[in-house]
PDB file of N, CA and C in Angstrom:
ATOM      1  N   UNK A   1      -2.983 -44.287 -99.336  1.00  0.00           N
ATOM      2  CA  UNK A   1      -4.399 -44.587 -99.275  1.00  0.00           C
ATOM      3  C   UNK A   1      -4.558 -45.981 -98.672  1.00  0.00           C
ATOM      4  N   UNK A   2      -5.445 -46.137 -97.770  1.00  0.00           N
ATOM      5  CA  UNK A   2      -5.690 -47.429 -97.153  1.00  0.00           C
ATOM      6  C   UNK A   2      -6.751 -48.185 -97.936  1.00  0.00           C
ATOM      7  N   UNK A   3      -6.721 -49.536 -97.931  1.00  0.00           N
ATOM      8  CA  UNK A   3      -7.559 -50.336 -98.832  1.00  0.00           C
ATOM      9  C   UNK A   3      -9.051 -50.010 -98.770  1.00  0.00           C
ATOM     10  N   UNK A   4      -9.614 -49.753 -97.617  1.00  0.00           N
ATOM     11  CA  UNK A   4     -11.062 -49.512 -97.557  1.00  0.00           C
ATOM     12  C   UNK A   4     -11.452 -48.152 -98.086  1.00  0.00           C
ATOM     13  N   UNK A   5     -10.465 -47.313 -98.393  1.00  0.00           N
ATOM     14  CA  UNK A   5     -10.759 -46.014 -98.984  1.00  0.00           C
ATOM     15  C   UNK A   5     -10.630 -46.035-100.508  1.00  0.00           C
ATOM     16  N   UNK A   6     -10.245 -47.174-101.082  1.00  0.00           N
ATOM     17  CA  UNK A   6     -10.105 -47.275-102.533  1.00  0.00           C
ATOM     18  C   UNK A   6     -11.469 -47.252-103.186  1.00  0.00           C
ATOM     19  N   UNK A   7     -11.580 -46.549-104.259  1.00  0.00           N
ATOM     20  CA  UNK A   7     -12.824 -46.533-105.013  1.00  0.00           C
ATOM     21  C   UNK A   7     -12.863 -47.690-105.992  1.00  0.00           C
ATOM     22  N   UNK A   8     -14.018 -47.853-106.650  1.00  0.00           N
ATOM     23  CA  UNK A   8     -14.198 -48.950-107.613  1.00  0.00           C
ATOM     24  C   UNK A   8     -13.182 -48.854-108.751  1.00  0.00           C
ATOM     25  N   UNK A   9     -12.906 -47.675-109.234  1.00  0.00           N
ATOM     26  CA  UNK A   9     -11.958 -47.505-110.338  1.00  0.00           C
ATOM     27  C   UNK A   9     -10.535 -47.895-109.937  1.00  0.00           C
ATOM     28  N   UNK A  10     -10.185 -47.725-108.672  1.00  0.00           N
ATOM     29  CA  UNK A  10      -8.847 -48.090-108.217  1.00  0.00           C
ATOM     30  C   UNK A  10      -8.677 -49.604-108.115  1.00  0.00           C
ATOM     31  N   UNK A  11      -9.717 -50.312-107.730  1.00  0.00           N
ATOM     32  CA  UNK A  11      -9.645 -51.760-107.556  1.00  0.00           C
ATOM     33  C   UNK A  11      -9.610 -52.476-108.899  1.00  0.00           C
ATOM     34  N   UNK A  12     -10.373 -51.989-109.860  1.00  0.00           N
ATOM     35  CA  UNK A  12     -10.476 -52.647-111.162  1.00  0.00           C
ATOM     36  C   UNK A  12      -9.701 -51.916-112.252  1.00  0.00           C
ATOM     37  N   UNK A  13      -8.591 -51.322-111.904  1.00  0.00           N
ATOM     38  CA  UNK A  13      -7.793 -50.627-112.905  1.00  0.00           C
ATOM     39  C   UNK A  13      -7.076 -51.657-113.793  1.00  0.00           C
ATOM     40  N   UNK A  14      -6.718 -51.224-114.982  1.00  0.00           N
ATOM     41  CA  UNK A  14      -6.028 -52.111-115.919  1.00  0.00           C
ATOM     42  C   UNK A  14      -4.654 -52.489-115.384  1.00  0.00           C
ATOM     43  N   UNK A  15      -4.275 -53.733-115.643  1.00  0.00           N
ATOM     44  CA  UNK A  15      -2.998 -54.226-115.156  1.00  0.00           C
ATOM     45  C   UNK A  15      -2.433 -55.234-116.154  1.00  0.00           C
ATOM     46  N   UNK A  16      -1.130 -55.324-116.216  1.00  0.00           N
ATOM     47  CA  UNK A  16      -0.481 -56.327-117.063  1.00  0.00           C
ATOM     48  C   UNK A  16       0.141 -57.441-116.221  1.00  0.00           C
ATOM     49  N   UNK A  17      -0.349 -57.623-115.008  1.00  0.00           N
ATOM     50  CA  UNK A  17       0.219 -58.620-114.096  1.00  0.00           C
ATOM     51  C   UNK A  17       0.150 -60.031-114.664  1.00  0.00           C
ATOM     52  N   UNK A  18      -0.955 -60.410-115.316  1.00  0.00           N
ATOM     53  CA  UNK A  18      -1.138 -61.776-115.811  1.00  0.00           C
ATOM     54  C   UNK A  18      -0.695 -61.964-117.258  1.00  0.00           C
ATOM     55  N   UNK A  19      -0.219 -60.933-117.894  1.00  0.00           N
ATOM     56  CA  UNK A  19       0.237 -61.059-119.272  1.00  0.00           C
ATOM     57  C   UNK A  19       1.590 -61.765-119.325  1.00  0.00           C
ATOM     58  N   UNK A  20       1.739 -62.653-120.300  1.00  0.00           N
ATOM     59  CA  UNK A  20       2.991 -63.384-120.490  1.00  0.00           C
ATOM     60  C   UNK A  20       3.412 -63.269-121.954  1.00  0.00           C
ATOM     61  N   UNK A  21       4.698 -63.305-122.181  1.00  0.00           N
ATOM     62  CA  UNK A  21       5.224 -63.282-123.535  1.00  0.00           C
ATOM     63  C   UNK A  21       5.038 -64.675-124.138  1.00  0.00           C
ATOM     64  N   UNK A  22       4.149 -64.784-125.109  1.00  0.00           N
ATOM     65  CA  UNK A  22       3.841 -66.083-125.710  1.00  0.00           C
ATOM     66  C   UNK A  22       4.478 -66.240-127.090  1.00  0.00           C
ATOM     67  N   UNK A  23       5.470 -65.441-127.402  1.00  0.00           N
ATOM     68  CA  UNK A  23       6.127 -65.586-128.699  1.00  0.00           C
ATOM     69  C   UNK A  23       6.979 -66.856-128.691  1.00  0.00           C
ATOM     70  N   UNK A  24       7.078 -67.485-129.848  1.00  0.00           N
ATOM     71  CA  UNK A  24       7.849 -68.721-129.951  1.00  0.00           C
ATOM     72  C   UNK A  24       8.327 -68.916-131.377  1.00  0.00           C
ATOM     73  N   UNK A  25       9.305 -69.770-131.525  1.00  0.00           N
ATOM     74  CA  UNK A  25       9.816 -70.177-132.830  1.00  0.00           C
ATOM     75  C   UNK A  25       9.881 -71.692-132.809  1.00  0.00           C
ATOM     76  N   UNK A  26       9.233 -72.327-133.789  1.00  0.00           N
ATOM     77  CA  UNK A  26       9.199 -73.794-133.822  1.00  0.00           C
ATOM     78  C   UNK A  26       9.569 -74.273-135.217  1.00  0.00           C
ATOM     79  N   UNK A  27      10.432 -75.274-135.253  1.00  0.00           N
ATOM     80  CA  UNK A  27      10.754 -75.957-136.497  1.00  0.00           C
ATOM     81  C   UNK A  27       9.784 -77.127-136.611  1.00  0.00           C
ATOM     82  N   UNK A  28       8.778 -76.987-137.477  1.00  0.00           N
ATOM     83  CA  UNK A  28       7.691 -77.962-137.563  1.00  0.00           C
ATOM     84  C   UNK A  28       8.105 -79.242-138.273  1.00  0.00           C
ATOM     85  N   UNK A  29       8.819 -79.121-139.376  1.00  0.00           N
ATOM     86  CA  UNK A  29       9.142 -80.313-140.156  1.00  0.00           C
ATOM     87  C   UNK A  29      10.498 -80.113-140.833  1.00  0.00           C
ATOM     88  N   UNK A  30      11.351 -81.105-140.704  1.00  0.00           N
ATOM     89  CA  UNK A  30      12.653 -81.075-141.364  1.00  0.00           C
ATOM     90  C   UNK A  30      12.941 -82.460-141.904  1.00  0.00           C
ATOM     91  N   UNK A  31      13.229 -82.530-143.199  1.00  0.00           N
ATOM     92  CA  UNK A  31      13.584 -83.803-143.811  1.00  0.00           C
ATOM     93  C   UNK A  31      14.911 -83.633-144.518  1.00  0.00           C
ATOM     94  N   UNK A  32      15.825 -84.549-144.209  1.00  0.00           N
ATOM     95  CA  UNK A  32      17.150 -84.561-144.825  1.00  0.00           C
ATOM     96  C   UNK A  32      17.316 -85.898-145.535  1.00  0.00           C
ATOM     97  N   UNK A  33      17.756 -85.841-146.788  1.00  0.00           N
ATOM     98  CA  UNK A  33      17.965 -87.080-147.532  1.00  0.00           C
ATOM     99  C   UNK A  33      19.305 -87.026-148.269  1.00  0.00           C
ATOM    100  N   UNK A  34      19.818 -88.207-148.546  1.00  0.00           N
ATOM    101  CA  UNK A  34      21.071 -88.325-149.278  1.00  0.00           C
ATOM    102  C   UNK A  34      20.920 -89.434-150.308  1.00  0.00           C
ATOM    103  N   UNK A  35      21.204 -89.106-151.553  1.00  0.00           N
ATOM    104  CA  UNK A  35      21.198 -90.098-152.634  1.00  0.00           C
ATOM    105  C   UNK A  35      22.644 -90.439-152.977  1.00  0.00           C
ATOM    106  N   UNK A  36      22.922 -91.720-153.015  1.00  0.00           N
ATOM    107  CA  UNK A  36      24.276 -92.156-153.321  1.00  0.00           C
ATOM    108  C   UNK A  36      24.620 -91.826-154.770  1.00  0.00           C
ATOM    109  N   UNK A  37      25.872 -91.431-155.030  1.00  0.00           N
ATOM    110  CA  UNK A  37      26.269 -91.085-156.404  1.00  0.00           C
ATOM    111  C   UNK A  37      26.285 -92.312-157.319  1.00  0.00           C
ATOM    112  N   UNK A  38      26.172 -92.042-158.588  1.00  0.00           N
ATOM    113  CA  UNK A  38      26.105 -93.101-159.601  1.00  0.00           C
ATOM    114  C   UNK A  38      27.376 -93.960-159.602  1.00  0.00           C
ATOM    115  N   UNK A  39      28.544 -93.361-159.314  1.00  0.00           N
ATOM    116  CA  UNK A  39      29.807 -94.121-159.296  1.00  0.00           C
ATOM    117  C   UNK A  39      29.776 -95.228-158.242  1.00  0.00           C
ATOM    118  N   UNK A  40      29.197 -94.957-157.112  1.00  0.00           N
ATOM    119  CA  UNK A  40      29.102 -95.958-156.049  1.00  0.00           C
ATOM    120  C   UNK A  40      28.121 -97.052-156.442  1.00  0.00           C
ATOM    121  N   UNK A  41      27.006 -96.676-157.060  1.00  0.00           N
ATOM    122  CA  UNK A  41      25.983 -97.653-157.436  1.00  0.00           C
ATOM    123  C   UNK A  41      26.429 -98.545-158.584  1.00  0.00           C
ATOM    124  N   UNK A  42      27.301 -98.034-159.449  1.00  0.00           N
ATOM    125  CA  UNK A  42      27.813 -98.853-160.549  1.00  0.00           C
ATOM    126  C   UNK A  42      28.655-100.020-160.032  1.00  0.00           C
ATOM    127  N   UNK A  43      29.298 -99.853-158.892  1.00  0.00           N
ATOM    128  CA  UNK A  43      30.084-100.940-158.303  1.00  0.00           C
ATOM    129  C   UNK A  43      29.180-102.070-157.824  1.00  0.00           C
ATOM    130  N   UNK A  44      27.985-101.713-157.331  1.00  0.00           N
ATOM    131  CA  UNK A  44      27.039-102.739-156.869  1.00  0.00           C
ATOM    132  C   UNK A  44      26.428-103.450-158.067  1.00  0.00           C
ATOM    133  N   UNK A  45      26.062-102.691-159.093  1.00  0.00           N
ATOM    134  CA  UNK A  45      25.585-103.282-160.338  1.00  0.00           C
ATOM    135  C   UNK A  45      24.084-103.486-160.418  1.00  0.00           C
ATOM    136  N   UNK A  46      23.451-104.029-159.426  1.00  0.00           N
ATOM    137  CA  UNK A  46      22.028-104.380-159.482  1.00  0.00           C
ATOM    138  C   UNK A  46      21.136-103.194-159.116  1.00  0.00           C
ATOM    139  N   UNK A  47      21.622-102.300-158.297  1.00  0.00           N
ATOM    140  CA  UNK A  47      20.811-101.208-157.750  1.00  0.00           C
ATOM    141  C   UNK A  47      20.905 -99.976-158.648  1.00  0.00           C
ATOM    142  N   UNK A  48      19.738 -99.370-158.962  1.00  0.00           N
ATOM    143  CA  UNK A  48      19.710 -98.140-159.757  1.00  0.00           C
ATOM    144  C   UNK A  48      19.820 -96.883-158.895  1.00  0.00           C
ATOM    145  N   UNK A  49      19.190 -96.892-157.722  1.00  0.00           N
ATOM    146  CA  UNK A  49      19.194 -95.710-156.862  1.00  0.00           C
ATOM    147  C   UNK A  49      19.033 -96.133-155.403  1.00  0.00           C
ATOM    148  N   UNK A  50      19.811 -95.493-154.504  1.00  0.00           N
ATOM    149  CA  UNK A  50      19.666 -95.674-153.055  1.00  0.00           C
ATOM    150  C   UNK A  50      19.585 -94.286-152.419  1.00  0.00           C
ATOM    151  N   UNK A  51      18.541 -94.061-151.649  1.00  0.00           N
ATOM    152  CA  UNK A  51      18.348 -92.801-150.939  1.00  0.00           C
ATOM    153  C   UNK A  51      18.092 -93.101-149.469  1.00  0.00           C
ATOM    154  N   UNK A  52      18.811 -92.424-148.593  1.00  0.00           N
ATOM    155  CA  UNK A  52      18.610 -92.537-147.150  1.00  0.00           C
ATOM    156  C   UNK A  52      18.001 -91.225-146.673  1.00  0.00           C
ATOM    157  N   UNK A  53      16.978 -91.307-145.817  1.00  0.00           N
ATOM    158  CA  UNK A  53      16.345 -90.074-145.334  1.00  0.00           C
ATOM    159  C   UNK A  53      16.021 -90.161-143.851  1.00  0.00           C
ATOM    160  N   UNK A  54      15.978 -88.987-143.221  1.00  0.00           N
ATOM    161  CA  UNK A  54      15.592 -88.820-141.817  1.00  0.00           C
ATOM    162  C   UNK A  54      14.603 -87.668-141.766  1.00  0.00           C
ATOM    163  N   UNK A  55      13.520 -87.843-141.001  1.00  0.00           N
ATOM    164  CA  UNK A  55      12.483 -86.837-140.900  1.00  0.00           C
ATOM    165  C   UNK A  55      12.196 -86.560-139.425  1.00  0.00           C
ATOM    166  N   UNK A  56      12.040 -85.298-139.075  1.00  0.00           N
ATOM    167  CA  UNK A  56      11.685 -84.914-137.712  1.00  0.00           C
ATOM    168  C   UNK A  56      10.565 -83.895-137.717  1.00  0.00           C
ATOM    169  N   UNK A  57       9.608 -84.038-136.804  1.00  0.00           N
ATOM    170  CA  UNK A  57       8.496 -83.095-136.697  1.00  0.00           C
ATOM    171  C   UNK A  57       8.399 -82.585-135.268  1.00  0.00           C
ATOM    172  N   UNK A  58       8.217 -81.275-135.129  1.00  0.00           N
ATOM    173  CA  UNK A  58       8.042 -80.600-133.838  1.00  0.00           C
ATOM    174  C   UNK A  58       9.178 -80.884-132.861  1.00  0.00           C
ATOM    175  N   UNK A  59      10.394 -80.982-133.330  1.00  0.00           N
ATOM    176  CA  UNK A  59      11.471 -81.372-132.426  1.00  0.00           C
ATOM    177  C   UNK A  59      12.284 -80.193-131.904  1.00  0.00           C
ATOM    178  N   UNK A  60      11.988 -78.982-132.352  1.00  0.00           N
ATOM    179  CA  UNK A  60      12.752 -77.837-131.884  1.00  0.00           C
ATOM    180  C   UNK A  60      11.808 -76.667-131.643  1.00  0.00           C
ATOM    181  N   UNK A  61      11.711 -76.201-130.393  1.00  0.00           N
ATOM    182  CA  UNK A  61      10.846 -75.074-130.044  1.00  0.00           C
ATOM    183  C   UNK A  61      11.607 -74.142-129.117  1.00  0.00           C
ATOM    184  N   UNK A  62      11.628 -72.857-129.475  1.00  0.00           N
ATOM    185  CA  UNK A  62      12.211 -71.829-128.629  1.00  0.00           C
ATOM    186  C   UNK A  62      11.071 -70.988-128.075  1.00  0.00           C
ATOM    187  N   UNK A  63      10.897 -71.001-126.742  1.00  0.00           N
ATOM    188  CA  UNK A  63       9.811 -70.258-126.113  1.00  0.00           C
ATOM    189  C   UNK A  63      10.143 -70.014-124.648  1.00  0.00           C
ATOM    190  N   UNK A  64       9.632 -68.917-124.106  1.00  0.00           N
ATOM    191  CA  UNK A  64       9.783 -68.641-122.678  1.00  0.00           C
ATOM    192  C   UNK A  64       8.749 -69.388-121.844  1.00  0.00           C
ATOM    193  N   UNK A  65       7.728 -69.942-122.484  1.00  0.00           N
ATOM    194  CA  UNK A  65       6.685 -70.675-121.772  1.00  0.00           C
ATOM    195  C   UNK A  65       7.151 -72.117-121.583  1.00  0.00           C
ATOM    196  N   UNK A  66       7.629 -72.444-120.413  1.00  0.00           N
ATOM    197  CA  UNK A  66       8.198 -73.762-120.161  1.00  0.00           C
ATOM    198  C   UNK A  66       7.139 -74.815-119.837  1.00  0.00           C
ATOM    199  N   UNK A  67       6.020 -74.421-119.281  1.00  0.00           N
ATOM    200  CA  UNK A  67       5.026 -75.385-118.821  1.00  0.00           C
ATOM    201  C   UNK A  67       3.940 -75.704-119.840  1.00  0.00           C
ATOM    202  N   UNK A  68       3.814 -74.912-120.896  1.00  0.00           N
ATOM    203  CA  UNK A  68       2.707 -75.072-121.840  1.00  0.00           C
ATOM    204  C   UNK A  68       3.219 -75.052-123.267  1.00  0.00           C
ATOM    205  N   UNK A  69       2.473 -75.701-124.139  1.00  0.00           N
ATOM    206  CA  UNK A  69       2.745 -75.635-125.570  1.00  0.00           C
ATOM    207  C   UNK A  69       2.242 -74.281-126.064  1.00  0.00           C
ATOM    208  N   UNK A  70       3.076 -73.464-126.697  1.00  0.00           N
ATOM    209  CA  UNK A  70       2.649 -72.121-127.086  1.00  0.00           C
ATOM    210  C   UNK A  70       1.584 -72.102-128.185  1.00  0.00           C
ATOM    211  N   UNK A  71       1.362 -73.208-128.889  1.00  0.00           N
ATOM    212  CA  UNK A  71       0.347 -73.228-129.941  1.00  0.00           C
ATOM    213  C   UNK A  71      -1.057 -73.511-129.412  1.00  0.00           C
ATOM    214  N   UNK A  72      -1.190 -73.955-128.191  1.00  0.00           N
ATOM    215  CA  UNK A  72      -2.512 -74.235-127.649  1.00  0.00           C
ATOM    216  C   UNK A  72      -3.032 -73.018-126.905  1.00  0.00           C
ATOM    217  N   UNK A  73      -4.348 -72.892-126.864  1.00  0.00           N
ATOM    218  CA  UNK A  73      -4.962 -71.837-126.081  1.00  0.00           C
ATOM    219  C   UNK A  73      -5.283 -72.388-124.704  1.00  0.00           C
ATOM    220  N   UNK A  74      -5.096 -71.602-123.695  1.00  0.00           N
ATOM    221  CA  UNK A  74      -5.322 -72.064-122.328  1.00  0.00           C
ATOM    222  C   UNK A  74      -6.766 -71.789-121.937  1.00  0.00           C
ATOM    223  N   UNK A  75      -7.607 -72.768-122.138  1.00  0.00           N
ATOM    224  CA  UNK A  75      -9.015 -72.695-121.751  1.00  0.00           C
ATOM    225  C   UNK A  75      -9.261 -73.771-120.706  1.00  0.00           C
ATOM    226  N   UNK A  76     -10.400 -73.706-120.066  1.00  0.00           N
ATOM    227  CA  UNK A  76     -10.702 -74.699-119.034  1.00  0.00           C
ATOM    228  C   UNK A  76     -10.935 -76.080-119.628  1.00  0.00           C
ATOM    229  N   UNK A  77     -11.400 -76.174-120.872  1.00  0.00           N
ATOM    230  CA  UNK A  77     -11.702 -77.487-121.442  1.00  0.00           C
ATOM    231  C   UNK A  77     -10.496 -78.172-122.082  1.00  0.00           C
ATOM    232  N   UNK A  78      -9.405 -77.469-122.342  1.00  0.00           N
ATOM    233  CA  UNK A  78      -8.232 -78.115-122.942  1.00  0.00           C
ATOM    234  C   UNK A  78      -6.958 -77.862-122.137  1.00  0.00           C
ATOM    235  N   UNK A  79      -7.092 -77.506-120.892  1.00  0.00           N
ATOM    236  CA  UNK A  79      -5.931 -77.144-120.078  1.00  0.00           C
ATOM    237  C   UNK A  79      -4.979 -78.325-119.874  1.00  0.00           C
ATOM    238  N   UNK A  80      -5.511 -79.544-119.789  1.00  0.00           N
ATOM    239  CA  UNK A  80      -4.676 -80.708-119.507  1.00  0.00           C
ATOM    240  C   UNK A  80      -4.416 -81.566-120.743  1.00  0.00           C
ATOM    241  N   UNK A  81      -4.550 -81.012-121.936  1.00  0.00           N
ATOM    242  CA  UNK A  81      -4.249 -81.761-123.155  1.00  0.00           C
ATOM    243  C   UNK A  81      -2.738 -81.913-123.319  1.00  0.00           C
ATOM    244  N   UNK A  82      -2.361 -82.939-124.044  1.00  0.00           N
ATOM    245  CA  UNK A  82      -0.946 -83.177-124.310  1.00  0.00           C
ATOM    246  C   UNK A  82      -0.424 -82.142-125.304  1.00  0.00           C
ATOM    247  N   UNK A  83       0.839 -81.768-125.204  1.00  0.00           N
ATOM    248  CA  UNK A  83       1.431 -80.848-126.179  1.00  0.00           C
ATOM    249  C   UNK A  83       1.669 -81.552-127.514  1.00  0.00           C
ATOM    250  N   UNK A  84       2.137 -80.820-128.485  1.00  0.00           N
ATOM    251  CA  UNK A  84       2.446 -81.401-129.790  1.00  0.00           C
ATOM    252  C   UNK A  84       3.500 -82.491-129.638  1.00  0.00           C
ATOM    253  N   UNK A  85       3.292 -83.586-130.323  1.00  0.00           N
ATOM    254  CA  UNK A  85       4.174 -84.747-130.207  1.00  0.00           C
ATOM    255  C   UNK A  85       5.413 -84.549-131.072  1.00  0.00           C
ATOM    256  N   UNK A  86       6.573 -84.902-130.531  1.00  0.00           N
ATOM    257  CA  UNK A  86       7.812 -84.895-131.302  1.00  0.00           C
ATOM    258  C   UNK A  86       7.948 -86.246-131.985  1.00  0.00           C
ATOM    259  N   UNK A  87       8.200 -86.229-133.288  1.00  0.00           N
ATOM    260  CA  UNK A  87       8.265 -87.462-134.065  1.00  0.00           C
ATOM    261  C   UNK A  87       9.556 -87.487-134.879  1.00  0.00           C
ATOM    262  N   UNK A  88      10.235 -88.627-134.841  1.00  0.00           N
ATOM    263  CA  UNK A  88      11.431 -88.848-135.654  1.00  0.00           C
ATOM    264  C   UNK A  88      11.226 -90.137-136.450  1.00  0.00           C
ATOM    265  N   UNK A  89      11.562 -90.106-137.716  1.00  0.00           N
ATOM    266  CA  UNK A  89      11.470 -91.293-138.552  1.00  0.00           C
ATOM    267  C   UNK A  89      12.588 -91.274-139.584  1.00  0.00           C
ATOM    268  N   UNK A  90      12.848 -92.417-140.145  1.00  0.00           N
ATOM    269  CA  UNK A  90      13.892 -92.520-141.143  1.00  0.00           C
ATOM    270  C   UNK A  90      13.669 -93.722-142.013  1.00  0.00           C
ATOM    271  N   UNK A  91      14.399 -93.790-143.103  1.00  0.00           N
ATOM    272  CA  UNK A  91      14.231 -94.936-143.988  1.00  0.00           C
ATOM    273  C   UNK A  91      15.241 -94.955-145.111  1.00  0.00           C
ATOM    274  N   UNK A  92      15.153 -96.020-145.862  1.00  0.00           N
ATOM    275  CA  UNK A  92      16.023 -96.227-147.027  1.00  0.00           C
ATOM    276  C   UNK A  92      15.127 -96.562-148.209  1.00  0.00           C
ATOM    277  N   UNK A  93      15.328 -95.874-149.306  1.00  0.00           N
ATOM    278  CA  UNK A  93      14.594 -96.142-150.551  1.00  0.00           C
ATOM    279  C   UNK A  93      15.582 -96.758-151.549  1.00  0.00           C
ATOM    280  N   UNK A  94      15.306 -97.981-151.969  1.00  0.00           N
ATOM    281  CA  UNK A  94      16.179 -98.693-152.892  1.00  0.00           C
ATOM    282  C   UNK A  94      15.388 -99.026-154.145  1.00  0.00           C
ATOM    283  N   UNK A  95      15.910 -98.650-155.307  1.00  0.00           N
ATOM    284  CA  UNK A  95      15.284 -98.969-156.605  1.00  0.00           C
ATOM    285  C   UNK A  95      16.205 -99.914-157.364  1.00  0.00           C
ATOM    286  N   UNK A  96      15.590-100.989-157.867  1.00  0.00           N
ATOM    287  CA  UNK A  96      16.345-101.987-158.628  1.00  0.00           C
ATOM    288  C   UNK A  96      16.138-101.814-160.107  1.00  0.00           C
TER     289      UNK A  96
END
């Protein structure tokens, strides 16, 4: 069939050409901490508890969508927004 012989139903038929797989897996928040054992703290004498921790947010995402954040919707008003920020923090908690 040549293009000018196509009817309206042929031109506007359903298609999956623009569909993309938007499935993803994201690790949103992970916190790891370690408290020193009492035997180690007894050697110091003054300290009752020492805890070291590391925290990460949005640092691991598995997705086929390389150019866009899979959690955002692609609309004309938010197309150029920044993706979710990756954050890493850590610290030491010392109790006397």
